[in-house]
């Protein structure tokens, strides 16, 4: 501070975050990674749903003119827990899902570091997949979440909530 001017604003040197130079992952590559993750979950979940009687119960409810929201939410929570179990290893090791690992992209925080597992699973994936369990409104929020990728910074709503971005893994 200048001793002659006590009202002068403080001066400091600004530096850019250390990992900010990572190249953002292409939207198409992110889509393919999400499709791979979805196929993995379908291969695991569909047989469990069939053997667990989900499809039979849903058909019976539909024939009775009812909506089985409780059953759908219960299976959705089970699917979310199974997603966490399937993706735990790659997320904890490198901040990647299996699909992201195949496509050579990863999730980082705003400084370019691997986010902690609680941030990834809690803020990013619990929001992203958990919100979809809300009937009607959940589908709208999920659609808005996904469409936000078309912004300049290519960050979806779940990226913003978790403070993450998806970059090319080097």
Foldseek 3Di string as FASTA:
>chain_A
DDPVDPPDDDDDDDDDQQQQVFAFDDLVLVVQLVVVLVVVLCVVLVVVCVVVCVVVVCVVCVVVVHHPLVSLLVSLVVSLVVSCVQQVVVCQPFQGGPSCVVSQKHKAANNNHRDHPCLCSPQQVCLQSVLCSPPPVSVVLNVQQSVVCPDPQNHGPSCVRSRMGMGGHD
